[in-house]
């Protein structure tokens, strides 16, 4: 069955440019990529968001002002840092360990289109889970940004997800290990969580280092959701970092001999 689906995928990917792929082939392609991805990582993601909803409900139902405030801070962390953490974990295994890597690279579209399919599919599933959690938290009047609009809410989620996902993919490609790639993706978040007091002090006293310090603040919304200027600077730095990392991933993917020799 897997061989038949693989041949179908190869035939689909060799359709001439400009040809229209039937819906059945698109669905088959999505199913093929889902079967190759680590399903247990997606299960952990679902359970994580479900547990976050339950924990948020328990906290805010305590009824006190402090409990409600803590619940909203927790919600900001889940939508921003939690989503970024899951993205880094999922994307680190998009290419490394692919059992059909030779077939993928022999197809007309090559590794780039396949990776693009998997990346977009992964982020789409993560986006659906995040949107459900966002709707749940907004029902309890959670404040993420000031002003709070659909555009700013998108960047609460998008900036850390994009930066940490590309970092996880690059880490996996460099180390040839998906687990190490996921660990590397967590490094900026860990620095921000454990050294945020020191970093805030540096940013407050040294204007030269302030932009570099702000880059480490993956959970920037958790602490400074009401400072629009610095918040947008942080979002721009994260998006820019993600673009640089994505370009580096593209350069590594061009080295097909290295992929075939070291990522199996």
C-alpha atoms as a PDB file:
ATOM      1  CA  UNK A   1       0.000   0.000   0.000  1.00  0.00           C
ATOM      2  CA  UNK A   2       2.823   2.402   0.876  1.00  0.00           C
ATOM      3  CA  UNK A   3       4.592   1.627  -2.425  1.00  0.00           C
ATOM      4  CA  UNK A   4       1.394   2.311  -4.392  1.00  0.00           C
ATOM      5  CA  UNK A   5       0.880   5.644  -2.595  1.00  0.00           C
ATOM      6  CA  UNK A   6       4.529   6.560  -3.108  1.00  0.00           C
ATOM      7  CA  UNK A   7       4.276   5.945  -6.866  1.00  0.00           C
ATOM      8  CA  UNK A   8       1.094   7.997  -6.956  1.00  0.00           C
ATOM      9  CA  UNK A   9       2.871  10.842  -5.162  1.00  0.00           C
ATOM     10  CA  UNK A  10       5.784  10.713  -7.599  1.00  0.00           C
ATOM     11  CA  UNK A  11       3.341  10.819 -10.528  1.00  0.00           C
ATOM     12  CA  UNK A  12       1.574  13.757  -8.908  1.00  0.00           C
ATOM     13  CA  UNK A  13       4.784  15.668  -8.373  1.00  0.00           C
ATOM     14  CA  UNK A  14       5.889  15.180 -11.997  1.00  0.00           C
ATOM     15  CA  UNK A  15       2.869  17.011 -13.391  1.00  0.00           C
ATOM     16  CA  UNK A  16       4.157  19.768 -15.728  1.00  0.00           C
ATOM     17  CA  UNK A  17       4.240  23.302 -14.428  1.00  0.00           C
ATOM     18  CA  UNK A  18       0.878  24.964 -14.827  1.00  0.00           C
ATOM     19  CA  UNK A  19      -1.044  21.677 -14.635  1.00  0.00           C
ATOM     20  CA  UNK A  20      -3.921  21.447 -12.186  1.00  0.00           C
ATOM     21  CA  UNK A  21      -3.651  18.696  -9.599  1.00  0.00           C
ATOM     22  CA  UNK A  22      -6.983  16.943  -8.901  1.00  0.00           C
ATOM     23  CA  UNK A  23      -8.428  17.288  -5.413  1.00  0.00           C
ATOM     24  CA  UNK A  24      -8.066  13.543  -4.840  1.00  0.00           C
ATOM     25  CA  UNK A  25      -4.326  13.769  -5.480  1.00  0.00           C
ATOM     26  CA  UNK A  26      -4.006  16.753  -3.149  1.00  0.00           C
ATOM     27  CA  UNK A  27      -5.761  14.838  -0.353  1.00  0.00           C
ATOM     28  CA  UNK A  28      -3.592  11.793  -1.037  1.00  0.00           C
ATOM     29  CA  UNK A  29      -0.493  13.954  -0.885  1.00  0.00           C
ATOM     30  CA  UNK A  30      -1.566  15.372   2.477  1.00  0.00           C
ATOM     31  CA  UNK A  31      -2.271  11.876   3.798  1.00  0.00           C
ATOM     32  CA  UNK A  32       1.122  10.692   2.577  1.00  0.00           C
ATOM     33  CA  UNK A  33       2.973  13.456   4.414  1.00  0.00           C
ATOM     34  CA  UNK A  34       0.950  12.932   7.590  1.00  0.00           C
ATOM     35  CA  UNK A  35       1.852   9.238   7.612  1.00  0.00           C
ATOM     36  CA  UNK A  36       5.552  10.070   7.345  1.00  0.00           C
ATOM     37  CA  UNK A  37       5.450  12.656  10.128  1.00  0.00           C
ATOM     38  CA  UNK A  38       5.631  11.602  13.769  1.00  0.00           C
ATOM     39  CA  UNK A  39       1.984  11.177  14.736  1.00  0.00           C
ATOM     40  CA  UNK A  40       2.825  10.967  18.430  1.00  0.00           C
ATOM     41  CA  UNK A  41       4.187  14.531  18.329  1.00  0.00           C
ATOM     42  CA  UNK A  42       0.819  15.745  17.046  1.00  0.00           C
ATOM     43  CA  UNK A  43      -0.901  13.719  19.763  1.00  0.00           C
ATOM     44  CA  UNK A  44       1.282  15.424  22.373  1.00  0.00           C
ATOM     45  CA  UNK A  45       0.355  18.782  20.855  1.00  0.00           C
ATOM     46  CA  UNK A  46      -3.374  18.029  21.088  1.00  0.00           C
ATOM     47  CA  UNK A  47      -3.020  16.836  24.674  1.00  0.00           C
ATOM     48  CA  UNK A  48      -0.910  19.866  25.543  1.00  0.00           C
ATOM     49  CA  UNK A  49      -3.511  22.342  24.289  1.00  0.00           C
ATOM     50  CA  UNK A  50      -6.294  20.366  25.923  1.00  0.00           C
ATOM     51  CA  UNK A  51      -4.427  20.348  29.243  1.00  0.00           C
ATOM     52  CA  UNK A  52      -3.738  24.085  28.893  1.00  0.00           C
ATOM     53  CA  UNK A  53      -7.443  24.771  28.438  1.00  0.00           C
ATOM     54  CA  UNK A  54      -8.228  22.744  31.545  1.00  0.00           C
ATOM     55  CA  UNK A  55      -5.524  24.404  33.629  1.00  0.00           C
ATOM     56  CA  UNK A  56      -6.581  27.872  32.492  1.00  0.00           C
ATOM     57  CA  UNK A  57     -10.182  27.063  33.470  1.00  0.00           C
ATOM     58  CA  UNK A  58      -9.123  25.868  36.925  1.00  0.00           C
ATOM     59  CA  UNK A  59      -7.013  28.966  37.556  1.00  0.00           C
ATOM     60  CA  UNK A  60      -9.589  31.549  36.553  1.00  0.00           C
ATOM     61  CA  UNK A  61     -12.319  29.706  38.451  1.00  0.00           C
ATOM     62  CA  UNK A  62     -10.455  30.342  41.681  1.00  0.00           C
ATOM     63  CA  UNK A  63     -12.271  33.672  41.583  1.00  0.00           C
ATOM     64  CA  UNK A  64      -9.595  35.915  43.083  1.00  0.00           C
ATOM     65  CA  UNK A  65      -8.040  38.842  41.223  1.00  0.00           C
ATOM     66  CA  UNK A  66      -4.571  37.326  41.507  1.00  0.00           C
ATOM     67  CA  UNK A  67      -5.776  33.997  40.116  1.00  0.00           C
ATOM     68  CA  UNK A  68      -7.415  35.662  37.110  1.00  0.00           C
ATOM     69  CA  UNK A  69      -4.238  37.671  36.448  1.00  0.00           C
ATOM     70  CA  UNK A  70      -2.112  34.524  36.635  1.00  0.00           C
ATOM     71  CA  UNK A  71      -4.504  32.746  34.300  1.00  0.00           C
ATOM     72  CA  UNK A  72      -4.175  35.490  31.687  1.00  0.00           C
ATOM     73  CA  UNK A  73      -0.374  35.427  31.949  1.00  0.00           C
ATOM     74  CA  UNK A  74      -0.457  31.667  31.506  1.00  0.00           C
ATOM     75  CA  UNK A  75      -2.688  32.086  28.459  1.00  0.00           C
ATOM     76  CA  UNK A  76      -0.265  34.547  26.866  1.00  0.00           C
ATOM     77  CA  UNK A  77       2.580  32.093  27.451  1.00  0.00           C
ATOM     78  CA  UNK A  78       0.664  29.213  25.839  1.00  0.00           C
ATOM     79  CA  UNK A  79      -0.324  31.112  22.697  1.00  0.00           C
ATOM     80  CA  UNK A  80       3.130  32.630  22.198  1.00  0.00           C
ATOM     81  CA  UNK A  81       5.925  30.558  23.723  1.00  0.00           C
ATOM     82  CA  UNK A  82       4.023  27.280  23.936  1.00  0.00           C
ATOM     83  CA  UNK A  83       3.053  27.419  20.265  1.00  0.00           C
ATOM     84  CA  UNK A  84       6.637  28.300  19.324  1.00  0.00           C
ATOM     85  CA  UNK A  85       7.972  25.402  21.368  1.00  0.00           C
ATOM     86  CA  UNK A  86       5.615  22.953  19.654  1.00  0.00           C
ATOM     87  CA  UNK A  87       6.548  24.374  16.231  1.00  0.00           C
ATOM     88  CA  UNK A  88      10.260  23.842  16.877  1.00  0.00           C
ATOM     89  CA  UNK A  89       9.600  20.296  18.052  1.00  0.00           C
ATOM     90  CA  UNK A  90       7.496  19.393  15.015  1.00  0.00           C
ATOM     91  CA  UNK A  91       9.630  20.970  12.288  1.00  0.00           C
ATOM     92  CA  UNK A  92      12.857  19.406  13.542  1.00  0.00           C
ATOM     93  CA  UNK A  93      11.606  16.056  12.227  1.00  0.00           C
ATOM     94  CA  UNK A  94      10.281  17.154   8.833  1.00  0.00           C
ATOM     95  CA  UNK A  95      13.285  15.892   6.846  1.00  0.00           C
ATOM     96  CA  UNK A  96      15.590  14.006   9.186  1.00  0.00           C
ATOM     97  CA  UNK A  97      14.852  10.275   9.125  1.00  0.00           C
ATOM     98  CA  UNK A  98      12.577  10.349   6.068  1.00  0.00           C
ATOM     99  CA  UNK A  99      12.506   6.690   4.910  1.00  0.00           C
ATOM    100  CA  UNK A 100      11.686   7.738   1.330  1.00  0.00           C
ATOM    101  CA  UNK A 101      14.193  10.561   0.979  1.00  0.00           C
ATOM    102  CA  UNK A 102      15.625   9.201  -2.292  1.00  0.00           C
ATOM    103  CA  UNK A 103      12.138   9.026  -3.863  1.00  0.00           C
ATOM    104  CA  UNK A 104      11.380  12.541  -2.684  1.00  0.00           C
ATOM    105  CA  UNK A 105      14.558  13.982  -4.164  1.00  0.00           C
ATOM    106  CA  UNK A 106      14.135  12.066  -7.451  1.00  0.00           C
ATOM    107  CA  UNK A 107      10.703  13.592  -8.088  1.00  0.00           C
ATOM    108  CA  UNK A 108      10.433  16.621 -10.364  1.00  0.00           C
ATOM    109  CA  UNK A 109       9.501  18.964  -7.517  1.00  0.00           C
ATOM    110  CA  UNK A 110      12.353  17.747  -5.315  1.00  0.00           C
ATOM    111  CA  UNK A 111      12.877  18.214  -1.613  1.00  0.00           C
ATOM    112  CA  UNK A 112      11.763  21.874  -1.533  1.00  0.00           C
ATOM    113  CA  UNK A 113       8.147  21.299  -2.492  1.00  0.00           C
ATOM    114  CA  UNK A 114       7.828  18.265  -0.222  1.00  0.00           C
ATOM    115  CA  UNK A 115       9.297  20.167   2.710  1.00  0.00           C
ATOM    116  CA  UNK A 116       6.982  23.078   1.932  1.00  0.00           C
ATOM    117  CA  UNK A 117       3.964  20.744   2.002  1.00  0.00           C
ATOM    118  CA  UNK A 118       5.003  19.285   5.350  1.00  0.00           C
ATOM    119  CA  UNK A 119       5.861  22.656   6.851  1.00  0.00           C
ATOM    120  CA  UNK A 120       2.550  24.256   5.848  1.00  0.00           C
ATOM    121  CA  UNK A 121       0.588  21.171   6.906  1.00  0.00           C
ATOM    122  CA  UNK A 122       2.286  21.169  10.313  1.00  0.00           C
ATOM    123  CA  UNK A 123       1.721  24.875  10.879  1.00  0.00           C
ATOM    124  CA  UNK A 124      -1.893  24.597   9.715  1.00  0.00           C
ATOM    125  CA  UNK A 125      -2.637  21.943  12.333  1.00  0.00           C
ATOM    126  CA  UNK A 126      -0.849  24.023  14.973  1.00  0.00           C
ATOM    127  CA  UNK A 127      -2.802  27.106  13.879  1.00  0.00           C
ATOM    128  CA  UNK A 128      -6.136  25.312  14.287  1.00  0.00           C
ATOM    129  CA  UNK A 129      -5.239  24.186  17.816  1.00  0.00           C
ATOM    130  CA  UNK A 130      -3.971  27.672  18.694  1.00  0.00           C
ATOM    131  CA  UNK A 131      -7.119  29.312  17.298  1.00  0.00           C
ATOM    132  CA  UNK A 132      -9.330  27.077  19.421  1.00  0.00           C
ATOM    133  CA  UNK A 133      -7.292  27.951  22.509  1.00  0.00           C
ATOM    134  CA  UNK A 134      -7.386  31.645  21.580  1.00  0.00           C
ATOM    135  CA  UNK A 135     -11.176  31.587  21.307  1.00  0.00           C
ATOM    136  CA  UNK A 136     -11.378  29.807  24.664  1.00  0.00           C
ATOM    137  CA  UNK A 137      -9.144  32.364  26.387  1.00  0.00           C
ATOM    138  CA  UNK A 138     -10.780  35.413  24.784  1.00  0.00           C
ATOM    139  CA  UNK A 139     -14.092  34.243  26.215  1.00  0.00           C
ATOM    140  CA  UNK A 140     -12.563  35.028  29.615  1.00  0.00           C
ATOM    141  CA  UNK A 141     -11.506  38.556  28.547  1.00  0.00           C
ATOM    142  CA  UNK A 142      -7.821  37.726  28.219  1.00  0.00           C
ATOM    143  CA  UNK A 143      -5.716  40.678  27.068  1.00  0.00           C
ATOM    144  CA  UNK A 144      -2.844  39.815  24.713  1.00  0.00           C
ATOM    145  CA  UNK A 145      -1.965  43.165  23.138  1.00  0.00           C
ATOM    146  CA  UNK A 146      -2.836  46.844  23.434  1.00  0.00           C
ATOM    147  CA  UNK A 147      -4.664  47.587  21.189  1.00  0.00           C
ATOM    148  CA  UNK A 148      -5.974  44.071  20.687  1.00  0.00           C
ATOM    149  CA  UNK A 149      -6.835  43.433  17.046  1.00  0.00           C
ATOM    150  CA  UNK A 150      -6.851  40.391  14.772  1.00  0.00           C
ATOM    151  CA  UNK A 151      -3.595  41.646  13.205  1.00  0.00           C
ATOM    152  CA  UNK A 152      -1.727  41.947  16.508  1.00  0.00           C
ATOM    153  CA  UNK A 153      -3.106  38.615  17.732  1.00  0.00           C
ATOM    154  CA  UNK A 154      -1.736  36.997  14.571  1.00  0.00           C
ATOM    155  CA  UNK A 155       1.762  38.277  15.322  1.00  0.00           C
ATOM    156  CA  UNK A 156       1.551  37.130  18.938  1.00  0.00           C
ATOM    157  CA  UNK A 157       1.473  33.631  17.456  1.00  0.00           C
ATOM    158  CA  UNK A 158       3.290  33.970  14.122  1.00  0.00           C
ATOM    159  CA  UNK A 159       6.602  35.564  15.150  1.00  0.00           C
ATOM    160  CA  UNK A 160       7.723  32.950  17.729  1.00  0.00           C
ATOM    161  CA  UNK A 161       6.278  30.061  15.700  1.00  0.00           C
ATOM    162  CA  UNK A 162       8.162  31.094  12.553  1.00  0.00           C
ATOM    163  CA  UNK A 163      11.455  31.829  14.333  1.00  0.00           C
ATOM    164  CA  UNK A 164      11.484  28.688  16.489  1.00  0.00           C
ATOM    165  CA  UNK A 165      10.262  26.401  13.695  1.00  0.00           C
ATOM    166  CA  UNK A 166      13.036  27.470  11.325  1.00  0.00           C
ATOM    167  CA  UNK A 167      15.557  27.224  14.166  1.00  0.00           C
ATOM    168  CA  UNK A 168      14.415  23.679  14.921  1.00  0.00           C
ATOM    169  CA  UNK A 169      14.663  22.689  11.252  1.00  0.00           C
ATOM    170  CA  UNK A 170      18.114  24.242  10.893  1.00  0.00           C
ATOM    171  CA  UNK A 171      19.319  22.587  14.093  1.00  0.00           C
ATOM    172  CA  UNK A 172      18.172  19.195  12.830  1.00  0.00           C
ATOM    173  CA  UNK A 173      19.880  19.693   9.474  1.00  0.00           C
ATOM    174  CA  UNK A 174      23.150  20.790  11.091  1.00  0.00           C
ATOM    175  CA  UNK A 175      23.287  18.109  13.778  1.00  0.00           C
ATOM    176  CA  UNK A 176      21.624  15.369  11.666  1.00  0.00           C
ATOM    177  CA  UNK A 177      19.404  14.628  14.657  1.00  0.00           C
ATOM    178  CA  UNK A 178      15.768  15.645  15.139  1.00  0.00           C
ATOM    179  CA  UNK A 179      15.962  15.584  18.938  1.00  0.00           C
ATOM    180  CA  UNK A 180      18.971  17.921  18.988  1.00  0.00           C
ATOM    181  CA  UNK A 181      17.201  20.209  16.543  1.00  0.00           C
ATOM    182  CA  UNK A 182      14.258  20.474  18.934  1.00  0.00           C
ATOM    183  CA  UNK A 183      16.619  21.241  21.833  1.00  0.00           C
ATOM    184  CA  UNK A 184      18.324  23.988  19.828  1.00  0.00           C
ATOM    185  CA  UNK A 185      14.926  25.540  19.060  1.00  0.00           C
ATOM    186  CA  UNK A 186      14.232  25.856  22.799  1.00  0.00           C
ATOM    187  CA  UNK A 187      17.478  27.742  23.579  1.00  0.00           C
ATOM    188  CA  UNK A 188      16.170  31.333  22.965  1.00  0.00           C
ATOM    189  CA  UNK A 189      13.052  30.604  25.017  1.00  0.00           C
ATOM    190  CA  UNK A 190      15.095  29.131  27.869  1.00  0.00           C
ATOM    191  CA  UNK A 191      17.397  32.172  27.897  1.00  0.00           C
ATOM    192  CA  UNK A 192      14.432  34.530  28.065  1.00  0.00           C
ATOM    193  CA  UNK A 193      12.725  32.602  30.868  1.00  0.00           C
ATOM    194  CA  UNK A 194      15.755  32.119  33.119  1.00  0.00           C
ATOM    195  CA  UNK A 195      17.569  35.415  32.452  1.00  0.00           C
ATOM    196  CA  UNK A 196      14.714  37.806  31.778  1.00  0.00           C
ATOM    197  CA  UNK A 197      15.471  39.992  34.831  1.00  0.00           C
ATOM    198  CA  UNK A 198      19.106  40.460  33.813  1.00  0.00           C
ATOM    199  CA  UNK A 199      18.157  41.045  30.185  1.00  0.00           C
ATOM    200  CA  UNK A 200      15.577  43.658  31.168  1.00  0.00           C
ATOM    201  CA  UNK A 201      18.211  45.452  33.242  1.00  0.00           C
ATOM    202  CA  UNK A 202      20.630  45.480  30.288  1.00  0.00           C
ATOM    203  CA  UNK A 203      17.937  46.760  27.926  1.00  0.00           C
ATOM    204  CA  UNK A 204      17.001  49.546  30.361  1.00  0.00           C
ATOM    205  CA  UNK A 205      20.566  50.807  30.887  1.00  0.00           C
ATOM    206  CA  UNK A 206      22.237  50.219  27.495  1.00  0.00           C
ATOM    207  CA  UNK A 207      20.552  51.499  24.350  1.00  0.00           C
ATOM    208  CA  UNK A 208      23.138  49.852  22.062  1.00  0.00           C
ATOM    209  CA  UNK A 209      22.392  46.331  23.286  1.00  0.00           C
ATOM    210  CA  UNK A 210      18.644  46.866  23.579  1.00  0.00           C
ATOM    211  CA  UNK A 211      17.700  45.480  20.115  1.00  0.00           C
ATOM    212  CA  UNK A 212      19.869  42.405  20.650  1.00  0.00           C
ATOM    213  CA  UNK A 213      18.414  41.835  24.094  1.00  0.00           C
ATOM    214  CA  UNK A 214      14.898  42.107  22.731  1.00  0.00           C
ATOM    215  CA  UNK A 215      15.607  39.291  20.265  1.00  0.00           C
ATOM    216  CA  UNK A 216      15.927  36.805  23.124  1.00  0.00           C
ATOM    217  CA  UNK A 217      12.473  37.728  24.373  1.00  0.00           C
ATOM    218  CA  UNK A 218      10.471  35.053  22.626  1.00  0.00           C
ATOM    219  CA  UNK A 219       7.797  35.380  25.372  1.00  0.00           C
ATOM    220  CA  UNK A 220       7.837  39.186  25.049  1.00  0.00           C
ATOM    221  CA  UNK A 221       4.038  39.376  25.122  1.00  0.00           C
ATOM    222  CA  UNK A 222       4.052  37.666  28.512  1.00  0.00           C
ATOM    223  CA  UNK A 223       5.800  40.646  30.144  1.00  0.00           C
ATOM    224  CA  UNK A 224       5.346  43.668  27.835  1.00  0.00           C
ATOM    225  CA  UNK A 225       2.104  43.277  25.944  1.00  0.00           C
ATOM    226  CA  UNK A 226       1.217  46.941  26.593  1.00  0.00           C
ATOM    227  CA  UNK A 227       4.361  48.582  25.062  1.00  0.00           C
ATOM    228  CA  UNK A 228       3.585  48.761  21.311  1.00  0.00           C
ATOM    229  CA  UNK A 229       6.941  50.192  20.136  1.00  0.00           C
ATOM    230  CA  UNK A 230       9.178  47.582  21.721  1.00  0.00           C
ATOM    231  CA  UNK A 231       6.629  44.840  21.093  1.00  0.00           C
ATOM    232  CA  UNK A 232       6.651  45.452  17.334  1.00  0.00           C
ATOM    233  CA  UNK A 233      10.447  45.687  17.358  1.00  0.00           C
ATOM    234  CA  UNK A 234      10.567  42.285  19.020  1.00  0.00           C
ATOM    235  CA  UNK A 235       8.138  40.841  16.456  1.00  0.00           C
ATOM    236  CA  UNK A 236      10.206  42.279  13.586  1.00  0.00           C
ATOM    237  CA  UNK A 237      13.439  40.842  15.025  1.00  0.00           C
ATOM    238  CA  UNK A 238      11.878  37.390  15.390  1.00  0.00           C
ATOM    239  CA  UNK A 239      10.449  37.423  11.854  1.00  0.00           C
ATOM    240  CA  UNK A 240      13.765  38.655  10.436  1.00  0.00           C
ATOM    241  CA  UNK A 241      15.641  35.957  12.324  1.00  0.00           C
ATOM    242  CA  UNK A 242      13.244  33.352  10.942  1.00  0.00           C
ATOM    243  CA  UNK A 243      13.869  34.547   7.381  1.00  0.00           C
ATOM    244  CA  UNK A 244      17.645  34.299   7.857  1.00  0.00           C
ATOM    245  CA  UNK A 245      17.314  30.802   9.314  1.00  0.00           C
ATOM    246  CA  UNK A 246      14.999  29.761   6.473  1.00  0.00           C
ATOM    247  CA  UNK A 247      17.578  30.935   3.920  1.00  0.00           C
ATOM    248  CA  UNK A 248      20.250  28.926   5.697  1.00  0.00           C
ATOM    249  CA  UNK A 249      17.988  25.847   5.607  1.00  0.00           C
ATOM    250  CA  UNK A 250      17.493  26.362   1.884  1.00  0.00           C
ATOM    251  CA  UNK A 251      21.266  26.429   1.369  1.00  0.00           C
ATOM    252  CA  UNK A 252      21.678  23.176   3.295  1.00  0.00           C
ATOM    253  CA  UNK A 253      18.883  21.469   1.367  1.00  0.00           C
ATOM    254  CA  UNK A 254      20.708  22.181  -1.887  1.00  0.00           C
ATOM    255  CA  UNK A 255      23.486  19.825  -0.810  1.00  0.00           C
ATOM    256  CA  UNK A 256      21.695  16.655  -1.836  1.00  0.00           C
ATOM    257  CA  UNK A 257      24.707  14.356  -1.356  1.00  0.00           C
ATOM    258  CA  UNK A 258      24.968  15.450   2.259  1.00  0.00           C
ATOM    259  CA  UNK A 259      21.251  14.842   2.823  1.00  0.00           C
ATOM    260  CA  UNK A 260      21.390  11.340   1.389  1.00  0.00           C
ATOM    261  CA  UNK A 261      24.620  10.468   3.175  1.00  0.00           C
ATOM    262  CA  UNK A 262      23.997  11.806   6.647  1.00  0.00           C
ATOM    263  CA  UNK A 263      20.273  12.128   7.329  1.00  0.00           C
ATOM    264  CA  UNK A 264      19.351   8.446   6.921  1.00  0.00           C
END
